[in-house]
Amino acid sequence: YNPLFHEGGASPPLSWENIPSSAKSFSLLMKQGKTEGKIEVKWLILNIDPKVRSIEASEEEGDINFKYAGIDPTGEREIEFMLVALTQRHINSPEDMKEHACGVATLKVNW
C-alpha cells in the first residue's frame, strides 16, 4: 500500500526558495499525463500565502483547495508539479494563473 496512489492519501512534501520579489501568493498544481488529450489535475492549491516556503505531506495551505486525488498507478508514469508565483494575492480559478504569473517552477517525476 502506498498512500501516494490513493485519493485522500498522503500528498508529497514540497519546498521552494528563490522567490520573485513581486510574488503576492502562490498556486500549486500537480498533474499526471494525458487522458484522451486532457491533462489530469491531481492536486491544486490556490492562494498560498507568500510567506509559506513548504507544504508537508497532506497539508493544505491555500484558501481554495482541490483535495489531493492520488496518482493513478495505471496512468502515465510522468507526474509534473508546478509552483506558480503570482502578482495577485487572490485568484479565483486556475485559469487566472497565466495572467498573473511572475514566476514558474516545475518538477517532473517519472516513476
PDB file of N, CA and C in Angstrom:
ATOM      1  N   TYR A   1       0.848  -1.184   0.000  1.00  0.00           N
ATOM      2  CA  TYR A   1       0.000   0.000   0.000  1.00  0.00           C
ATOM      3  C   TYR A   1       0.886   1.237   0.000  1.00  0.00           C
ATOM      4  N   ASN A   2       0.665   2.128  -0.937  1.00  0.00           N
ATOM      5  CA  ASN A   2       1.403   3.391  -0.986  1.00  0.00           C
ATOM      6  C   ASN A   2       0.376   4.515  -0.974  1.00  0.00           C
ATOM      7  N   PRO A   3       0.366   5.364   0.056  1.00  0.00           N
ATOM      8  CA  PRO A   3      -0.657   6.411   0.150  1.00  0.00           C
ATOM      9  C   PRO A   3      -0.618   7.428  -0.978  1.00  0.00           C
ATOM     10  N   LEU A   4       0.503   7.531  -1.711  1.00  0.00           N
ATOM     11  CA  LEU A   4       0.552   8.463  -2.838  1.00  0.00           C
ATOM     12  C   LEU A   4      -0.418   8.063  -3.944  1.00  0.00           C
ATOM     13  N   PHE A   5      -0.791   6.790  -3.984  1.00  0.00           N
ATOM     14  CA  PHE A   5      -1.633   6.296  -5.066  1.00  0.00           C
ATOM     15  C   PHE A   5      -3.123   6.344  -4.758  1.00  0.00           C
ATOM     16  N   HIS A   6      -3.502   6.855  -3.630  1.00  0.00           N
ATOM     17  CA  HIS A   6      -4.910   6.800  -3.246  1.00  0.00           C
ATOM     18  C   HIS A   6      -5.491   8.176  -2.979  1.00  0.00           C
ATOM     19  N   GLU A   7      -6.696   8.378  -3.457  1.00  0.00           N
ATOM     20  CA  GLU A   7      -7.396   9.638  -3.218  1.00  0.00           C
ATOM     21  C   GLU A   7      -7.469   9.887  -1.722  1.00  0.00           C
ATOM     22  N   GLY A   8      -7.141  11.094  -1.336  1.00  0.00           N
ATOM     23  CA  GLY A   8      -7.163  11.434   0.075  1.00  0.00           C
ATOM     24  C   GLY A   8      -5.955  10.913   0.833  1.00  0.00           C
ATOM     25  N   GLY A   9      -5.035  10.236   0.135  1.00  0.00           N
ATOM     26  CA  GLY A   9      -3.825   9.728   0.763  1.00  0.00           C
ATOM     27  C   GLY A   9      -2.839  10.856   1.008  1.00  0.00           C
ATOM     28  N   ALA A  10      -1.653  10.475   1.406  1.00  0.00           N
ATOM     29  CA  ALA A  10      -0.633  11.475   1.726  1.00  0.00           C
ATOM     30  C   ALA A  10      -0.085  12.098   0.452  1.00  0.00           C
ATOM     31  N   SER A  11      -0.147  13.393   0.382  1.00  0.00           N
ATOM     32  CA  SER A  11       0.481  14.107  -0.726  1.00  0.00           C
ATOM     33  C   SER A  11       1.967  14.232  -0.403  1.00  0.00           C
ATOM     34  N   PRO A  12       2.800  14.398  -1.413  1.00  0.00           N
ATOM     35  CA  PRO A  12       4.234  14.504  -1.135  1.00  0.00           C
ATOM     36  C   PRO A  12       4.596  15.848  -0.512  1.00  0.00           C
ATOM     37  N   PRO A  13       5.598  15.874   0.367  1.00  0.00           N
ATOM     38  CA  PRO A  13       6.063  17.157   0.906  1.00  0.00           C
ATOM     39  C   PRO A  13       6.847  17.912  -0.169  1.00  0.00           C
ATOM     40  N   LEU A  14       6.687  19.226  -0.223  1.00  0.00           N
ATOM     41  CA  LEU A  14       7.373  20.064  -1.204  1.00  0.00           C
ATOM     42  C   LEU A  14       7.893  21.324  -0.513  1.00  0.00           C
ATOM     43  N   SER A  15       9.007  21.851  -1.024  1.00  0.00           N
ATOM     44  CA  SER A  15       9.514  23.125  -0.512  1.00  0.00           C
ATOM     45  C   SER A  15      10.108  23.911  -1.670  1.00  0.00           C
ATOM     46  N   TRP A  16      10.250  25.232  -1.473  1.00  0.00           N
ATOM     47  CA  TRP A  16      10.767  26.093  -2.534  1.00  0.00           C
ATOM     48  C   TRP A  16      11.514  27.276  -1.931  1.00  0.00           C
ATOM     49  N   GLU A  17      12.345  27.899  -2.778  1.00  0.00           N
ATOM     50  CA  GLU A  17      13.126  29.078  -2.373  1.00  0.00           C
ATOM     51  C   GLU A  17      13.365  29.940  -3.601  1.00  0.00           C
ATOM     52  N   ASN A  18      14.128  31.034  -3.442  1.00  0.00           N
ATOM     53  CA  ASN A  18      14.418  31.976  -4.540  1.00  0.00           C
ATOM     54  C   ASN A  18      13.133  32.507  -5.172  1.00  0.00           C
ATOM     55  N   ILE A  19      12.355  33.160  -4.373  1.00  0.00           N
ATOM     56  CA  ILE A  19      11.029  33.641  -4.753  1.00  0.00           C
ATOM     57  C   ILE A  19      11.138  35.018  -5.413  1.00  0.00           C
ATOM     58  N   PRO A  20      10.387  35.259  -6.511  1.00  0.00           N
ATOM     59  CA  PRO A  20      10.380  36.604  -7.106  1.00  0.00           C
ATOM     60  C   PRO A  20       9.879  37.636  -6.096  1.00  0.00           C
ATOM     61  N   SER A  21      10.497  38.798  -6.064  1.00  0.00           N
ATOM     62  CA  SER A  21      10.110  39.830  -5.093  1.00  0.00           C
ATOM     63  C   SER A  21       8.688  40.335  -5.331  1.00  0.00           C
ATOM     64  N   SER A  22       8.167  40.178  -6.535  1.00  0.00           N
ATOM     65  CA  SER A  22       6.797  40.644  -6.830  1.00  0.00           C
ATOM     66  C   SER A  22       5.723  39.618  -6.477  1.00  0.00           C
ATOM     67  N   ALA A  23       6.096  38.460  -5.933  1.00  0.00           N
ATOM     68  CA  ALA A  23       5.112  37.412  -5.604  1.00  0.00           C
ATOM     69  C   ALA A  23       4.245  37.825  -4.426  1.00  0.00           C
ATOM     70  N   LYS A  24       2.929  37.764  -4.626  1.00  0.00           N
ATOM     71  CA  LYS A  24       1.963  38.074  -3.564  1.00  0.00           C
ATOM     72  C   LYS A  24       1.204  36.834  -3.111  1.00  0.00           C
ATOM     73  N   SER A  25       1.351  35.738  -3.858  1.00  0.00           N
ATOM     74  CA  SER A  25       0.786  34.442  -3.482  1.00  0.00           C
ATOM     75  C   SER A  25       1.372  33.385  -4.404  1.00  0.00           C
ATOM     76  N   PHE A  26       1.066  32.125  -4.083  1.00  0.00           N
ATOM     77  CA  PHE A  26       1.480  31.003  -4.915  1.00  0.00           C
ATOM     78  C   PHE A  26       0.279  30.132  -5.218  1.00  0.00           C
ATOM     79  N   SER A  27       0.394  29.389  -6.293  1.00  0.00           N
ATOM     80  CA  SER A  27      -0.541  28.308  -6.576  1.00  0.00           C
ATOM     81  C   SER A  27       0.286  27.075  -6.893  1.00  0.00           C
ATOM     82  N   LEU A  28      -0.204  25.935  -6.463  1.00  0.00           N
ATOM     83  CA  LEU A  28       0.475  24.669  -6.686  1.00  0.00           C
ATOM     84  C   LEU A  28      -0.444  23.757  -7.477  1.00  0.00           C
ATOM     85  N   LEU A  29       0.106  23.142  -8.498  1.00  0.00           N
ATOM     86  CA  LEU A  29      -0.661  22.257  -9.377  1.00  0.00           C
ATOM     87  C   LEU A  29       0.143  20.981  -9.574  1.00  0.00           C
ATOM     88  N   MET A  30      -0.513  19.848  -9.452  1.00  0.00           N
ATOM     89  CA  MET A  30       0.127  18.579  -9.788  1.00  0.00           C
ATOM     90  C   MET A  30      -0.723  17.916 -10.846  1.00  0.00           C
ATOM     91  N   LYS A  31      -0.084  17.474 -11.927  1.00  0.00           N
ATOM     92  CA  LYS A  31      -0.833  16.820 -12.991  1.00  0.00           C
ATOM     93  C   LYS A  31      -0.137  15.536 -13.390  1.00  0.00           C
ATOM     94  N   GLN A  32      -0.932  14.656 -13.942  1.00  0.00           N
ATOM     95  CA  GLN A  32      -0.407  13.369 -14.378  1.00  0.00           C
ATOM     96  C   GLN A  32      -0.832  13.124 -15.814  1.00  0.00           C
ATOM     97  N   GLY A  33       0.157  13.004 -16.702  1.00  0.00           N
ATOM     98  CA  GLY A  33      -0.068  12.604 -18.080  1.00  0.00           C
ATOM     99  C   GLY A  33      -1.259  13.230 -18.769  1.00  0.00           C
ATOM    100  N   LYS A  34      -1.707  12.546 -19.786  1.00  0.00           N
ATOM    101  CA  LYS A  34      -2.875  12.994 -20.539  1.00  0.00           C
ATOM    102  C   LYS A  34      -3.830  11.828 -20.721  1.00  0.00           C
ATOM    103  N   THR A  35      -5.098  12.097 -20.575  1.00  0.00           N
ATOM    104  CA  THR A  35      -6.129  11.121 -20.833  1.00  0.00           C
ATOM    105  C   THR A  35      -6.999  11.679 -21.938  1.00  0.00           C
ATOM    106  N   GLU A  36      -7.027  11.014 -23.058  1.00  0.00           N
ATOM    107  CA  GLU A  36      -7.793  11.479 -24.211  1.00  0.00           C
ATOM    108  C   GLU A  36      -7.470  12.934 -24.533  1.00  0.00           C
ATOM    109  N   GLY A  37      -6.165  13.270 -24.488  1.00  0.00           N
ATOM    110  CA  GLY A  37      -5.724  14.615 -24.832  1.00  0.00           C
ATOM    111  C   GLY A  37      -5.882  15.645 -23.730  1.00  0.00           C
ATOM    112  N   LYS A  38      -6.419  15.246 -22.575  1.00  0.00           N
ATOM    113  CA  LYS A  38      -6.614  16.184 -21.469  1.00  0.00           C
ATOM    114  C   LYS A  38      -5.645  15.854 -20.346  1.00  0.00           C
ATOM    115  N   ILE A  39      -5.120  16.892 -19.738  1.00  0.00           N
ATOM    116  CA  ILE A  39      -4.233  16.714 -18.594  1.00  0.00           C
ATOM    117  C   ILE A  39      -5.102  16.487 -17.363  1.00  0.00           C
ATOM    118  N   GLU A  40      -4.720  15.494 -16.571  1.00  0.00           N
ATOM    119  CA  GLU A  40      -5.455  15.211 -15.344  1.00  0.00           C
ATOM    120  C   GLU A  40      -4.831  15.971 -14.183  1.00  0.00           C
ATOM    121  N   VAL A  41      -5.565  16.901 -13.609  1.00  0.00           N
ATOM    122  CA  VAL A  41      -5.094  17.627 -12.432  1.00  0.00           C
ATOM    123  C   VAL A  41      -5.393  16.746 -11.222  1.00  0.00           C
ATOM    124  N   LYS A  42      -4.345  16.427 -10.478  1.00  0.00           N
ATOM    125  CA  LYS A  42      -4.472  15.541  -9.325  1.00  0.00           C
ATOM    126  C   LYS A  42      -4.420  16.280  -7.997  1.00  0.00           C
ATOM    127  N   TRP A  43      -3.947  17.532  -8.047  1.00  0.00           N
ATOM    128  CA  TRP A  43      -3.825  18.309  -6.807  1.00  0.00           C
ATOM    129  C   TRP A  43      -3.743  19.764  -7.201  1.00  0.00           C
ATOM    130  N   LEU A  44      -4.495  20.612  -6.538  1.00  0.00           N
ATOM    131  CA  LEU A  44      -4.485  22.041  -6.832  1.00  0.00           C
ATOM    132  C   LEU A  44      -4.696  22.816  -5.541  1.00  0.00           C
ATOM    133  N   ILE A  45      -3.811  23.759  -5.289  1.00  0.00           N
ATOM    134  CA  ILE A  45      -3.981  24.671  -4.152  1.00  0.00           C
ATOM    135  C   ILE A  45      -3.766  26.078  -4.685  1.00  0.00           C
ATOM    136  N   LEU A  46      -4.744  26.939  -4.510  1.00  0.00           N
ATOM    137  CA  LEU A  46      -4.655  28.334  -4.939  1.00  0.00           C
ATOM    138  C   LEU A  46      -4.475  29.234  -3.723  1.00  0.00           C
ATOM    139  N   ASN A  47      -3.852  30.400  -3.948  1.00  0.00           N
ATOM    140  CA  ASN A  47      -3.765  31.463  -2.941  1.00  0.00           C
ATOM    141  C   ASN A  47      -2.987  31.064  -1.693  1.00  0.00           C
ATOM    142  N   ILE A  48      -1.842  30.439  -1.914  1.00  0.00           N
ATOM    143  CA  ILE A  48      -0.945  30.114  -0.806  1.00  0.00           C
ATOM    144  C   ILE A  48      -0.244  31.399  -0.382  1.00  0.00           C
ATOM    145  N   ASP A  49      -0.195  31.656   0.901  1.00  0.00           N
ATOM    146  CA  ASP A  49       0.432  32.858   1.443  1.00  0.00           C
ATOM    147  C   ASP A  49       1.887  32.948   0.962  1.00  0.00           C
ATOM    148  N   PRO A  50       2.354  34.139   0.591  1.00  0.00           N
ATOM    149  CA  PRO A  50       3.717  34.270   0.060  1.00  0.00           C
ATOM    150  C   PRO A  50       4.817  33.993   1.094  1.00  0.00           C
ATOM    151  N   LYS A  51       4.480  33.932   2.367  1.00  0.00           N
ATOM    152  CA  LYS A  51       5.468  33.614   3.393  1.00  0.00           C
ATOM    153  C   LYS A  51       5.712  32.112   3.511  1.00  0.00           C
ATOM    154  N   VAL A  52       4.809  31.310   2.984  1.00  0.00           N
ATOM    155  CA  VAL A  52       4.936  29.854   3.048  1.00  0.00           C
ATOM    156  C   VAL A  52       6.044  29.404   2.103  1.00  0.00           C
ATOM    157  N   ARG A  53       6.921  28.534   2.579  1.00  0.00           N
ATOM    158  CA  ARG A  53       8.025  28.024   1.757  1.00  0.00           C
ATOM    159  C   ARG A  53       8.013  26.505   1.637  1.00  0.00           C
ATOM    160  N   SER A  54       7.026  25.852   2.247  1.00  0.00           N
ATOM    161  CA  SER A  54       6.940  24.395   2.123  1.00  0.00           C
ATOM    162  C   SER A  54       5.535  23.929   2.480  1.00  0.00           C
ATOM    163  N   ILE A  55       5.230  22.755   1.991  1.00  0.00           N
ATOM    164  CA  ILE A  55       3.966  22.089   2.325  1.00  0.00           C
ATOM    165  C   ILE A  55       4.329  20.672   2.713  1.00  0.00           C
ATOM    166  N   GLU A  56       3.945  20.293   3.905  1.00  0.00           N
ATOM    167  CA  GLU A  56       4.226  18.933   4.373  1.00  0.00           C
ATOM    168  C   GLU A  56       3.184  17.977   3.795  1.00  0.00           C
ATOM    169  N   ALA A  57       3.429  16.713   3.915  1.00  0.00           N
ATOM    170  CA  ALA A  57       2.526  15.699   3.384  1.00  0.00           C
ATOM    171  C   ALA A  57       1.103  15.940   3.882  1.00  0.00           C
ATOM    172  N   SER A  58       0.164  15.978   2.969  1.00  0.00           N
ATOM    173  CA  SER A  58      -1.267  16.120   3.222  1.00  0.00           C
ATOM    174  C   SER A  58      -1.689  17.475   3.771  1.00  0.00           C
ATOM    175  N   GLU A  59      -0.795  18.432   3.831  1.00  0.00           N
ATOM    176  CA  GLU A  59      -1.126  19.750   4.354  1.00  0.00           C
ATOM    177  C   GLU A  59      -1.801  20.583   3.268  1.00  0.00           C
ATOM    178  N   GLU A  60      -2.770  21.359   3.635  1.00  0.00           N
ATOM    179  CA  GLU A  60      -3.481  22.226   2.696  1.00  0.00           C
ATOM    180  C   GLU A  60      -3.262  23.663   3.157  1.00  0.00           C
ATOM    181  N   GLU A  61      -2.457  24.426   2.434  1.00  0.00           N
ATOM    182  CA  GLU A  61      -2.081  25.772   2.871  1.00  0.00           C
ATOM    183  C   GLU A  61      -2.869  26.893   2.206  1.00  0.00           C
ATOM    184  N   GLY A  62      -3.537  26.637   1.100  1.00  0.00           N
ATOM    185  CA  GLY A  62      -4.221  27.705   0.387  1.00  0.00           C
ATOM    186  C   GLY A  62      -5.638  27.901   0.875  1.00  0.00           C
ATOM    187  N   ASP A  63      -6.322  28.885   0.296  1.00  0.00           N
ATOM    188  CA  ASP A  63      -7.716  29.081   0.689  1.00  0.00           C
ATOM    189  C   ASP A  63      -8.688  28.499  -0.337  1.00  0.00           C
ATOM    190  N   ILE A  64      -8.200  28.021  -1.449  1.00  0.00           N
ATOM    191  CA  ILE A  64      -9.024  27.280  -2.416  1.00  0.00           C
ATOM    192  C   ILE A  64      -8.251  26.013  -2.725  1.00  0.00           C
ATOM    193  N   ASN A  65      -8.796  24.873  -2.360  1.00  0.00           N
ATOM    194  CA  ASN A  65      -8.070  23.628  -2.500  1.00  0.00           C
ATOM    195  C   ASN A  65      -8.861  22.603  -3.291  1.00  0.00           C
ATOM    196  N   PHE A  66      -8.161  21.847  -4.077  1.00  0.00           N
ATOM    197  CA  PHE A  66      -8.689  20.673  -4.743  1.00  0.00           C
ATOM    198  C   PHE A  66      -7.958  19.533  -4.075  1.00  0.00           C
ATOM    199  N   LYS A  67      -8.651  18.780  -3.251  1.00  0.00           N
ATOM    200  CA  LYS A  67      -8.018  17.756  -2.431  1.00  0.00           C
ATOM    201  C   LYS A  67      -7.127  16.834  -3.260  1.00  0.00           C
ATOM    202  N   TYR A  68      -6.011  16.469  -2.676  1.00  0.00           N
ATOM    203  CA  TYR A  68      -5.078  15.563  -3.327  1.00  0.00           C
ATOM    204  C   TYR A  68      -5.823  14.314  -3.792  1.00  0.00           C
ATOM    205  N   ALA A  69      -5.752  14.021  -5.087  1.00  0.00           N
ATOM    206  CA  ALA A  69      -6.537  12.932  -5.664  1.00  0.00           C
ATOM    207  C   ALA A  69      -5.737  11.649  -5.850  1.00  0.00           C
ATOM    208  N   GLY A  70      -4.502  11.630  -5.462  1.00  0.00           N
ATOM    209  CA  GLY A  70      -3.701  10.423  -5.631  1.00  0.00           C
ATOM    210  C   GLY A  70      -3.215  10.261  -7.057  1.00  0.00           C
ATOM    211  N   ILE A  71      -2.255   9.399  -7.234  1.00  0.00           N
ATOM    212  CA  ILE A  71      -1.673   9.127  -8.543  1.00  0.00           C
ATOM    213  C   ILE A  71      -2.320   7.867  -9.090  1.00  0.00           C
ATOM    214  N   ASP A  72      -2.685   7.892 -10.348  1.00  0.00           N
ATOM    215  CA  ASP A  72      -3.271   6.724 -10.996  1.00  0.00           C
ATOM    216  C   ASP A  72      -2.144   5.763 -11.385  1.00  0.00           C
ATOM    217  N   PRO A  73      -2.009   4.631 -10.687  1.00  0.00           N
ATOM    218  CA  PRO A  73      -0.902   3.723 -10.998  1.00  0.00           C
ATOM    219  C   PRO A  73      -1.025   3.079 -12.375  1.00  0.00           C
ATOM    220  N   THR A  74      -2.189   3.143 -12.983  1.00  0.00           N
ATOM    221  CA  THR A  74      -2.364   2.585 -14.332  1.00  0.00           C
ATOM    222  C   THR A  74      -2.205   3.659 -15.398  1.00  0.00           C
ATOM    223  N   GLY A  75      -2.048   4.915 -14.986  1.00  0.00           N
ATOM    224  CA  GLY A  75      -1.922   6.030 -15.926  1.00  0.00           C
ATOM    225  C   GLY A  75      -0.486   6.238 -16.359  1.00  0.00           C
ATOM    226  N   GLU A  76      -0.260   7.338 -17.051  1.00  0.00           N
ATOM    227  CA  GLU A  76       1.092   7.676 -17.490  1.00  0.00           C
ATOM    228  C   GLU A  76       2.013   7.793 -16.289  1.00  0.00           C
ATOM    229  N   ARG A  77       3.256   7.490 -16.507  1.00  0.00           N
ATOM    230  CA  ARG A  77       4.202   7.411 -15.408  1.00  0.00           C
ATOM    231  C   ARG A  77       4.984   8.705 -15.185  1.00  0.00           C
ATOM    232  N   GLU A  78       4.529   9.802 -15.779  1.00  0.00           N
ATOM    233  CA  GLU A  78       5.170  11.094 -15.534  1.00  0.00           C
ATOM    234  C   GLU A  78       4.198  11.981 -14.764  1.00  0.00           C
ATOM    235  N   ILE A  79       4.705  12.554 -13.697  1.00  0.00           N
ATOM    236  CA  ILE A  79       3.933  13.476 -12.872  1.00  0.00           C
ATOM    237  C   ILE A  79       4.662  14.807 -12.908  1.00  0.00           C
ATOM    238  N   GLU A  80       3.914  15.891 -13.000  1.00  0.00           N
ATOM    239  CA  GLU A  80       4.529  17.214 -13.027  1.00  0.00           C
ATOM    240  C   GLU A  80       3.931  18.075 -11.925  1.00  0.00           C
ATOM    241  N   PHE A  81       4.811  18.650 -11.130  1.00  0.00           N
ATOM    242  CA  PHE A  81       4.422  19.634 -10.126  1.00  0.00           C
ATOM    243  C   PHE A  81       4.760  21.001 -10.692  1.00  0.00           C
ATOM    244  N   MET A  82       3.870  21.953 -10.520  1.00  0.00           N
ATOM    245  CA  MET A  82       4.109  23.309 -10.988  1.00  0.00           C
ATOM    246  C   MET A  82       3.747  24.274  -9.855  1.00  0.00           C
ATOM    247  N   LEU A  83       4.735  25.052  -9.440  1.00  0.00           N
ATOM    248  CA  LEU A  83       4.509  26.096  -8.450  1.00  0.00           C
ATOM    249  C   LEU A  83       4.552  27.412  -9.200  1.00  0.00           C
ATOM    250  N   VAL A  84       3.475  28.192  -9.096  1.00  0.00           N
ATOM    251  CA  VAL A  84       3.366  29.451  -9.825  1.00  0.00           C
ATOM    252  C   VAL A  84       3.360  30.594  -8.810  1.00  0.00           C
ATOM    253  N   ALA A  85       4.316  31.507  -8.945  1.00  0.00           N
ATOM    254  CA  ALA A  85       4.339  32.734  -8.142  1.00  0.00           C
ATOM    255  C   ALA A  85       3.436  33.739  -8.850  1.00  0.00           C
ATOM    256  N   LEU A  86       2.558  34.379  -8.086  1.00  0.00           N
ATOM    257  CA  LEU A  86       1.535  35.258  -8.660  1.00  0.00           C
ATOM    258  C   LEU A  86       1.665  36.693  -8.172  1.00  0.00           C
ATOM    259  N   THR A  87       1.312  37.631  -9.032  1.00  0.00           N
ATOM    260  CA  THR A  87       1.334  39.052  -8.676  1.00  0.00           C
ATOM    261  C   THR A  87       0.063  39.479  -7.957  1.00  0.00           C
ATOM    262  N   GLN A  88      -0.895  38.593  -7.815  1.00  0.00           N
ATOM    263  CA  GLN A  88      -2.154  38.875  -7.113  1.00  0.00           C
ATOM    264  C   GLN A  88      -2.204  38.060  -5.827  1.00  0.00           C
ATOM    265  N   ARG A  89      -2.776  38.627  -4.790  1.00  0.00           N
ATOM    266  CA  ARG A  89      -2.933  37.908  -3.518  1.00  0.00           C
ATOM    267  C   ARG A  89      -3.998  36.821  -3.631  1.00  0.00           C
ATOM    268  N   HIS A  90      -5.002  37.073  -4.452  1.00  0.00           N
ATOM    269  CA  HIS A  90      -6.129  36.136  -4.549  1.00  0.00           C
ATOM    270  C   HIS A  90      -6.516  35.949  -6.014  1.00  0.00           C
ATOM    271  N   ILE A  91      -6.621  34.700  -6.440  1.00  0.00           N
ATOM    272  CA  ILE A  91      -7.195  34.388  -7.742  1.00  0.00           C
ATOM    273  C   ILE A  91      -8.361  33.441  -7.514  1.00  0.00           C
ATOM    274  N   ASN A  92      -9.272  33.379  -8.472  1.00  0.00           N
ATOM    275  CA  ASN A  92     -10.483  32.586  -8.302  1.00  0.00           C
ATOM    276  C   ASN A  92     -10.456  31.230  -8.982  1.00  0.00           C
ATOM    277  N   SER A  93      -9.536  31.053  -9.934  1.00  0.00           N
ATOM    278  CA  SER A  93      -9.519  29.788 -10.659  1.00  0.00           C
ATOM    279  C   SER A  93      -8.130  29.563 -11.253  1.00  0.00           C
ATOM    280  N   PRO A  94      -7.837  28.330 -11.646  1.00  0.00           N
ATOM    281  CA  PRO A  94      -6.534  28.057 -12.268  1.00  0.00           C
ATOM    282  C   PRO A  94      -6.322  28.840 -13.562  1.00  0.00           C
ATOM    283  N   GLU A  95      -7.390  29.199 -14.238  1.00  0.00           N
ATOM    284  CA  GLU A  95      -7.270  29.974 -15.479  1.00  0.00           C
ATOM    285  C   GLU A  95      -6.622  31.334 -15.229  1.00  0.00           C
ATOM    286  N   ASP A  96      -6.764  31.869 -14.017  1.00  0.00           N
ATOM    287  CA  ASP A  96      -6.183  33.166 -13.668  1.00  0.00           C
ATOM    288  C   ASP A  96      -4.665  33.102 -13.485  1.00  0.00           C
ATOM    289  N   MET A  97      -4.122  31.909 -13.328  1.00  0.00           N
ATOM    290  CA  MET A  97      -2.684  31.787 -13.063  1.00  0.00           C
ATOM    291  C   MET A  97      -1.845  32.354 -14.201  1.00  0.00           C
ATOM    292  N   LYS A  98      -2.215  32.068 -15.427  1.00  0.00           N
ATOM    293  CA  LYS A  98      -1.419  32.502 -16.575  1.00  0.00           C
ATOM    294  C   LYS A  98      -1.303  34.029 -16.632  1.00  0.00           C
ATOM    295  N   GLU A  99      -2.409  34.714 -16.401  1.00  0.00           N
ATOM    296  CA  GLU A  99      -2.436  36.175 -16.486  1.00  0.00           C
ATOM    297  C   GLU A  99      -1.606  36.846 -15.393  1.00  0.00           C
ATOM    298  N   HIS A 100      -1.532  36.225 -14.211  1.00  0.00           N
ATOM    299  CA  HIS A 100      -0.898  36.873 -13.063  1.00  0.00           C
ATOM    300  C   HIS A 100       0.426  36.234 -12.643  1.00  0.00           C
ATOM    301  N   ALA A 101       0.981  35.350 -13.450  1.00  0.00           N
ATOM    302  CA  ALA A 101       2.232  34.675 -13.092  1.00  0.00           C
ATOM    303  C   ALA A 101       3.427  35.614 -13.186  1.00  0.00           C
ATOM    304  N   CYS A 102       4.291  35.562 -12.171  1.00  0.00           N
ATOM    305  CA  CYS A 102       5.553  36.306 -12.227  1.00  0.00           C
ATOM    306  C   CYS A 102       6.744  35.353 -12.100  1.00  0.00           C
ATOM    307  N   GLY A 103       6.447  34.066 -11.980  1.00  0.00           N
ATOM    308  CA  GLY A 103       7.499  33.045 -11.923  1.00  0.00           C
ATOM    309  C   GLY A 103       6.873  31.670 -11.872  1.00  0.00           C
ATOM    310  N   VAL A 104       7.548  30.701 -12.489  1.00  0.00           N
ATOM    311  CA  VAL A 104       7.045  29.325 -12.504  1.00  0.00           C
ATOM    312  C   VAL A 104       8.212  28.374 -12.296  1.00  0.00           C
ATOM    313  N   ALA A 105       8.014  27.397 -11.418  1.00  0.00           N
ATOM    314  CA  ALA A 105       8.990  26.335 -11.229  1.00  0.00           C
ATOM    315  C   ALA A 105       8.273  25.014 -11.470  1.00  0.00           C
ATOM    316  N   THR A 106       8.910  24.120 -12.230  1.00  0.00           N
ATOM    317  CA  THR A 106       8.315  22.819 -12.485  1.00  0.00           C
ATOM    318  C   THR A 106       9.269  21.715 -12.062  1.00  0.00           C
ATOM    319  N   LEU A 107       8.676  20.630 -11.640  1.00  0.00           N
ATOM    320  CA  LEU A 107       9.410  19.431 -11.274  1.00  0.00           C
ATOM    321  C   LEU A 107       8.687  18.271 -11.941  1.00  0.00           C
ATOM    322  N   LYS A 108       9.408  17.543 -12.802  1.00  0.00           N
ATOM    323  CA  LYS A 108       8.834  16.369 -13.454  1.00  0.00           C
ATOM    324  C   LYS A 108       9.429  15.133 -12.826  1.00  0.00           C
ATOM    325  N   VAL A 109       8.556  14.192 -12.510  1.00  0.00           N
ATOM    326  CA  VAL A 109       8.958  12.959 -11.864  1.00  0.00           C
ATOM    327  C   VAL A 109       8.467  11.789 -12.693  1.00  0.00           C
ATOM    328  N   ASN A 110       9.360  10.889 -13.051  1.00  0.00           N
ATOM    329  CA  ASN A 110       8.996   9.646 -13.722  1.00  0.00           C
ATOM    330  C   ASN A 110       9.130   8.534 -12.706  1.00  0.00           C
ATOM    331  N   TRP A 111       8.133   7.695 -12.613  1.00  0.00           N
ATOM    332  CA  TRP A 111       8.185   6.612 -11.637  1.00  0.00           C
ATOM    333  C   TRP A 111       7.880   5.290 -12.296  1.00  0.00           C
TER     334      TRP A 111
END
